[in-house]
N, C-alpha and C. Protein backbone atom coordinates (compact mmCIF):
# COMPACT_ATOMS: atom_id res chain seq x y z
N MET A 1 -28.65 56.83 -2.80
CA MET A 1 -27.87 56.01 -3.25
C MET A 1 -28.86 54.98 -4.04
N SER A 2 -28.56 54.68 -5.25
CA SER A 2 -29.10 53.24 -5.83
C SER A 2 -28.75 52.36 -5.09
N GLU A 3 -29.70 51.24 -5.20
CA GLU A 3 -29.05 49.83 -4.41
C GLU A 3 -28.10 49.28 -5.35
N GLN A 4 -27.65 49.24 -7.01
CA GLN A 4 -26.75 49.01 -7.26
C GLN A 4 -25.36 49.66 -6.85
N ALA A 5 -25.70 51.01 -6.71
CA ALA A 5 -24.33 51.95 -6.11
C ALA A 5 -23.96 51.14 -4.94
N ALA A 6 -24.81 51.02 -3.66
CA ALA A 6 -24.70 50.64 -2.71
C ALA A 6 -23.92 49.23 -2.66
N PHE A 7 -24.42 48.51 -3.19
CA PHE A 7 -23.78 46.82 -3.49
C PHE A 7 -22.48 47.17 -4.03
N TRP A 8 -21.80 48.14 -4.90
CA TRP A 8 -20.49 48.20 -5.30
C TRP A 8 -19.65 49.03 -4.14
N VAL A 9 -20.53 49.93 -3.41
CA VAL A 9 -19.51 50.89 -2.30
C VAL A 9 -19.19 49.56 -1.01
N VAL A 10 -20.15 48.55 -0.97
CA VAL A 10 -19.82 47.73 0.24
C VAL A 10 -18.66 46.46 -0.28
N ILE A 11 -18.84 46.52 -1.61
CA ILE A 11 -18.14 45.20 -1.93
C ILE A 11 -16.54 46.11 -2.23
N LEU A 12 -16.30 47.55 -2.39
CA LEU A 12 -15.19 47.99 -2.53
C LEU A 12 -14.77 47.98 -0.82
N VAL A 13 -15.53 48.53 0.04
CA VAL A 13 -14.78 48.61 1.40
C VAL A 13 -14.83 47.27 1.92
N LEU A 14 -15.26 46.37 1.73
CA LEU A 14 -15.03 44.76 2.11
C LEU A 14 -13.44 44.74 1.34
N ALA A 15 -13.30 44.73 0.13
CA ALA A 15 -12.21 44.34 -0.58
C ALA A 15 -10.91 45.21 0.20
N GLY A 16 -11.29 46.66 0.22
CA GLY A 16 -10.07 47.15 0.92
C GLY A 16 -9.91 46.75 2.29
N GLY A 17 -10.70 46.40 3.06
CA GLY A 17 -10.61 46.08 4.40
C GLY A 17 -9.76 44.68 4.41
N THR A 18 -10.30 44.11 3.82
CA THR A 18 -9.57 42.48 3.74
C THR A 18 -8.04 42.63 3.01
N PHE A 19 -7.77 43.79 2.11
CA PHE A 19 -6.70 44.20 1.76
C PHE A 19 -5.83 44.51 2.62
N LEU A 20 -6.17 45.49 3.56
CA LEU A 20 -5.42 45.85 4.78
C LEU A 20 -5.01 44.68 5.97
N LEU A 21 -5.93 44.18 6.31
CA LEU A 21 -5.86 43.00 6.95
C LEU A 21 -4.62 42.31 6.72
N ARG A 22 -4.72 41.91 5.29
CA ARG A 22 -3.61 40.82 4.80
C ARG A 22 -2.27 41.59 4.78
N SER A 23 -2.33 42.90 4.42
CA SER A 23 -0.94 43.37 3.78
C SER A 23 -0.88 44.01 4.84
N LEU A 24 -1.11 44.80 6.06
CA LEU A 24 -0.53 45.25 7.32
C LEU A 24 0.55 44.62 8.01
N PRO A 25 0.35 43.42 8.10
CA PRO A 25 1.64 42.82 8.67
C PRO A 25 2.60 42.81 8.11
N LEU A 26 2.63 42.76 7.09
CA LEU A 26 3.92 42.76 5.96
C LEU A 26 4.55 44.01 6.01
N TRP A 27 3.78 44.96 5.68
CA TRP A 27 4.28 46.13 5.85
C TRP A 27 5.03 46.58 6.96
N LEU A 28 4.40 46.44 8.18
CA LEU A 28 5.04 46.47 9.42
C LEU A 28 6.07 45.55 9.96
N GLN A 29 6.46 44.33 9.45
CA GLN A 29 7.49 43.65 9.43
C GLN A 29 8.74 44.37 9.45
N GLY A 30 9.81 44.61 10.38
CA GLY A 30 10.86 44.97 10.30
C GLY A 30 10.96 46.42 10.72
N ARG A 31 9.93 47.21 10.57
CA ARG A 31 9.81 48.56 10.98
C ARG A 31 9.35 48.73 12.39
N THR A 32 8.27 47.93 12.71
CA THR A 32 7.83 48.00 13.94
C THR A 32 8.14 46.43 14.88
N PRO A 33 9.22 46.67 15.98
CA PRO A 33 9.33 45.72 16.55
C PRO A 33 8.25 44.75 17.41
N ALA A 34 8.06 43.28 17.22
CA ALA A 34 7.01 42.62 17.84
C ALA A 34 7.13 42.75 19.43
N PRO A 35 6.44 42.63 20.09
CA PRO A 35 6.29 42.10 21.38
C PRO A 35 7.05 40.85 21.59
N ARG A 36 7.60 40.76 22.51
CA ARG A 36 8.36 39.53 23.05
C ARG A 36 7.20 38.51 23.18
N TRP A 37 6.19 38.50 23.81
CA TRP A 37 4.93 37.77 23.77
C TRP A 37 4.77 37.14 22.51
N LEU A 38 4.49 38.22 21.84
CA LEU A 38 3.95 37.95 20.65
C LEU A 38 4.96 36.80 19.81
N GLU A 39 6.27 37.08 19.74
CA GLU A 39 7.09 36.64 19.41
C GLU A 39 7.13 35.05 19.95
N ARG A 40 6.96 34.61 21.00
CA ARG A 40 7.08 33.53 21.59
C ARG A 40 5.78 32.60 21.02
N LEU A 41 4.87 33.38 21.13
CA LEU A 41 3.38 32.37 20.44
C LEU A 41 3.67 31.98 18.94
N LEU A 42 4.16 33.12 18.39
CA LEU A 42 4.34 32.89 16.97
C LEU A 42 5.17 31.51 16.60
N ARG A 43 6.02 31.34 17.51
CA ARG A 43 6.96 30.10 17.09
C ARG A 43 6.42 28.74 17.15
N HIS A 44 5.27 28.95 17.51
CA HIS A 44 4.40 27.45 17.78
C HIS A 44 3.56 27.54 16.69
N VAL A 45 3.57 28.43 15.89
CA VAL A 45 2.14 28.31 14.87
C VAL A 45 2.43 27.17 14.07
N PRO A 46 3.82 26.96 13.30
CA PRO A 46 4.05 25.63 12.51
C PRO A 46 3.92 24.49 13.07
N ALA A 47 4.18 24.38 14.21
CA ALA A 47 3.97 23.03 14.73
C ALA A 47 2.40 22.71 15.37
N ALA A 48 1.75 23.69 15.50
CA ALA A 48 0.47 23.76 15.86
C ALA A 48 -0.44 23.32 14.52
N ALA A 49 0.01 23.87 13.49
CA ALA A 49 -0.89 23.90 12.00
C ALA A 49 -0.58 22.48 11.47
N LEU A 50 0.77 21.84 11.61
CA LEU A 50 0.99 20.59 11.23
C LEU A 50 0.24 19.46 11.98
N THR A 51 0.28 19.66 13.11
CA THR A 51 -0.33 18.77 14.13
C THR A 51 -2.10 18.89 13.84
N ALA A 52 -2.41 19.88 13.53
CA ALA A 52 -4.02 19.81 12.96
C ALA A 52 -4.25 19.35 11.77
N LEU A 53 -3.23 19.36 10.75
CA LEU A 53 -3.38 18.83 9.49
C LEU A 53 -3.13 17.26 9.77
N VAL A 54 -2.50 17.00 10.53
CA VAL A 54 -1.86 15.33 10.64
C VAL A 54 -3.09 14.82 11.05
N VAL A 55 -3.51 15.24 12.64
CA VAL A 55 -4.48 14.76 13.31
C VAL A 55 -5.87 14.38 12.35
N THR A 56 -6.05 15.57 11.68
CA THR A 56 -7.61 15.26 11.21
C THR A 56 -7.28 14.28 10.04
N SER A 57 -6.23 14.21 9.59
CA SER A 57 -6.19 13.04 8.36
C SER A 57 -5.98 11.53 8.94
N LEU A 58 -6.13 11.59 10.21
CA LEU A 58 -6.15 10.12 10.64
C LEU A 58 -7.17 9.54 10.66
N TYR A 59 -8.22 10.45 10.70
CA TYR A 59 -9.79 9.86 10.73
C TYR A 59 -10.77 10.16 9.38
N THR A 60 -11.21 8.84 9.18
CA THR A 60 -12.14 8.92 7.76
C THR A 60 -13.32 8.97 8.27
N LYS A 61 -14.32 9.58 7.38
CA LYS A 61 -15.73 9.82 7.60
C LYS A 61 -16.51 8.28 6.80
N THR A 62 -17.08 7.75 7.54
CA THR A 62 -17.80 6.77 6.87
C THR A 62 -19.33 6.71 7.18
N GLY A 63 -20.20 6.84 6.42
CA GLY A 63 -21.68 7.35 6.55
C GLY A 63 -21.71 8.49 7.80
N GLY A 64 -21.96 8.68 8.61
CA GLY A 64 -22.16 9.71 9.64
C GLY A 64 -21.38 9.99 10.77
N ALA A 65 -20.42 8.84 10.74
CA ALA A 65 -19.57 8.71 11.63
C ALA A 65 -18.23 8.72 11.18
N TYR A 66 -17.29 9.35 12.19
CA TYR A 66 -15.90 9.40 11.97
C TYR A 66 -15.13 8.07 12.65
N VAL A 67 -13.91 7.54 11.83
CA VAL A 67 -13.35 6.42 12.09
C VAL A 67 -11.92 6.41 11.86
N VAL A 68 -11.45 5.66 12.99
CA VAL A 68 -9.77 5.97 12.89
C VAL A 68 -9.36 4.95 11.56
N ALA A 69 -8.35 5.64 11.01
CA ALA A 69 -7.93 5.06 9.45
C ALA A 69 -6.51 4.28 10.14
N PRO A 70 -6.85 3.05 10.32
CA PRO A 70 -5.20 2.08 10.88
C PRO A 70 -4.14 2.29 10.04
N ALA A 71 -4.25 2.29 8.48
CA ALA A 71 -2.93 2.51 7.75
C ALA A 71 -2.35 3.79 8.06
N ARG A 72 -3.20 4.95 8.32
CA ARG A 72 -2.72 6.38 8.64
C ARG A 72 -2.00 6.48 10.08
N ILE A 73 -2.61 5.48 10.45
CA ILE A 73 -2.12 5.78 12.13
C ILE A 73 -0.67 4.86 11.95
N LEU A 74 -0.70 3.89 11.04
CA LEU A 74 0.72 3.43 11.17
C LEU A 74 1.74 4.21 10.53
N ALA A 75 1.32 4.84 9.32
CA ALA A 75 2.12 5.86 8.92
C ALA A 75 2.68 6.97 9.57
N ALA A 76 1.56 7.50 10.20
CA ALA A 76 2.05 8.61 11.45
C ALA A 76 2.87 8.38 12.31
N VAL A 77 2.84 7.42 12.91
CA VAL A 77 3.42 6.59 13.79
C VAL A 77 5.09 6.58 13.32
N ALA A 78 5.22 6.10 12.28
CA ALA A 78 6.44 5.32 11.47
C ALA A 78 7.02 6.76 11.18
N ALA A 79 6.39 7.67 10.81
CA ALA A 79 6.91 9.27 10.19
C ALA A 79 7.36 9.76 11.54
N LEU A 80 6.61 9.58 12.61
CA LEU A 80 7.16 10.37 13.88
C LEU A 80 8.40 9.85 14.33
N LEU A 81 8.24 8.65 14.49
CA LEU A 81 9.84 7.65 14.89
C LEU A 81 11.01 8.25 13.90
N VAL A 82 10.59 8.12 12.63
CA VAL A 82 11.78 8.84 11.58
C VAL A 82 12.00 10.27 12.05
N ALA A 83 10.92 11.35 12.01
CA ALA A 83 11.29 12.13 12.51
C ALA A 83 12.19 12.84 13.79
N VAL A 84 11.56 11.98 14.71
CA VAL A 84 12.75 11.86 16.02
C VAL A 84 13.84 11.77 16.06
N ARG A 85 14.30 10.72 15.49
CA ARG A 85 15.24 9.86 15.28
C ARG A 85 16.34 10.80 14.46
N THR A 86 15.69 11.16 12.98
CA THR A 86 16.99 11.70 11.83
C THR A 86 16.61 13.17 11.93
N ARG A 87 15.44 13.57 12.31
CA ARG A 87 15.42 15.18 12.11
C ARG A 87 15.46 15.87 10.58
N ASN A 88 15.08 14.74 9.73
CA ASN A 88 15.36 14.99 8.30
C ASN A 88 13.73 14.80 7.67
N VAL A 89 13.26 16.07 7.09
CA VAL A 89 12.36 16.45 6.62
C VAL A 89 11.80 15.12 5.40
N ILE A 90 13.20 15.26 4.57
CA ILE A 90 12.53 14.44 3.54
C ILE A 90 12.70 12.49 3.74
N TRP A 91 13.71 12.04 4.58
CA TRP A 91 13.36 10.90 5.10
C TRP A 91 11.80 10.62 5.92
N THR A 92 11.46 11.54 6.51
CA THR A 92 10.17 11.21 7.30
C THR A 92 9.15 11.31 6.52
N LEU A 93 9.07 12.14 5.27
CA LEU A 93 8.00 12.36 4.39
C LEU A 93 8.06 10.82 3.75
N VAL A 94 8.96 10.38 2.92
CA VAL A 94 9.45 9.10 2.35
C VAL A 94 8.70 8.13 3.06
N THR A 95 9.49 7.84 4.50
CA THR A 95 9.11 6.78 5.14
C THR A 95 7.44 6.61 5.08
N GLY A 96 6.86 8.11 5.75
CA GLY A 96 5.55 7.96 5.79
C GLY A 96 4.55 7.77 4.89
N MET A 97 4.85 8.10 3.78
CA MET A 97 4.49 7.62 2.23
C MET A 97 4.57 6.39 2.10
N ALA A 98 5.82 5.69 2.28
CA ALA A 98 5.97 4.16 2.05
C ALA A 98 5.26 3.48 2.88
N VAL A 99 5.10 3.77 4.37
CA VAL A 99 4.56 3.08 5.07
C VAL A 99 3.06 2.99 4.75
N LEU A 100 2.45 4.21 4.63
CA LEU A 100 1.03 4.54 4.30
C LEU A 100 0.71 3.70 3.10
N TRP A 101 1.24 3.69 1.99
CA TRP A 101 1.19 2.62 0.87
C TRP A 101 1.25 0.99 1.22
N MET A 102 2.13 0.82 1.80
CA MET A 102 2.16 -0.70 2.40
C MET A 102 1.26 -0.93 3.01
N ALA A 103 0.89 -0.32 4.21
CA ALA A 103 -0.21 -0.49 5.10
C ALA A 103 -1.84 -0.53 4.35
N GLN A 104 -1.75 0.23 3.29
CA GLN A 104 -3.10 0.39 2.91
C GLN A 104 -3.13 -1.07 1.76
N GLY A 105 -1.98 -1.22 0.94
CA GLY A 105 -1.92 -2.83 0.51
C GLY A 105 -2.23 -3.97 1.28
N VAL A 106 -1.70 -3.93 2.32
CA VAL A 106 -1.68 -5.03 3.42
C VAL A 106 -3.42 -4.93 3.86
N LEU A 107 -3.64 -3.80 4.41
CA LEU A 107 -4.69 -3.96 4.95
C LEU A 107 -5.88 -3.95 4.22
N GLY A 108 -5.81 -3.73 2.96
CA GLY A 108 -6.77 -3.60 1.84
C GLY A 108 -6.90 -5.21 1.53
N VAL A 109 -5.72 -5.97 1.56
CA VAL A 109 -5.95 -7.38 1.19
C VAL A 109 -6.75 -8.20 2.63
N LEU A 110 -6.04 -7.78 3.51
CA LEU A 110 -6.89 -8.47 4.82
C LEU A 110 -8.53 -8.27 4.79
N SER A 111 -8.77 -6.87 4.31
CA SER A 111 -10.21 -6.62 4.69
C SER A 111 -10.96 -6.80 3.79
N GLY A 112 -10.32 -7.17 2.38
CA GLY A 112 -11.27 -7.35 1.32
C GLY A 112 -11.28 -8.98 0.76
């Protein structure tokens, strides 16, 4: 087999494997019942993903070190309080963004 043919065989095998890994859960959904332990674990995936996104955004990289971003901390705390109190996604997003913009404006004026 030539080198070029081997390259394309590898590409096709990897493409097929990737397609199967991504589409198999969609094909099996509804046809095969998931184990109870898996359903319990999957219930926590959205909260874990959101936590990972929010926590990593609270830091900024300055030079070679990560530094806490005070405006983002204030916005996250305000959004958390609104989320717990209202359980409304829209109000949580609006509050978080408004507090972030105001805090960046105030802290930018104070530091500049």
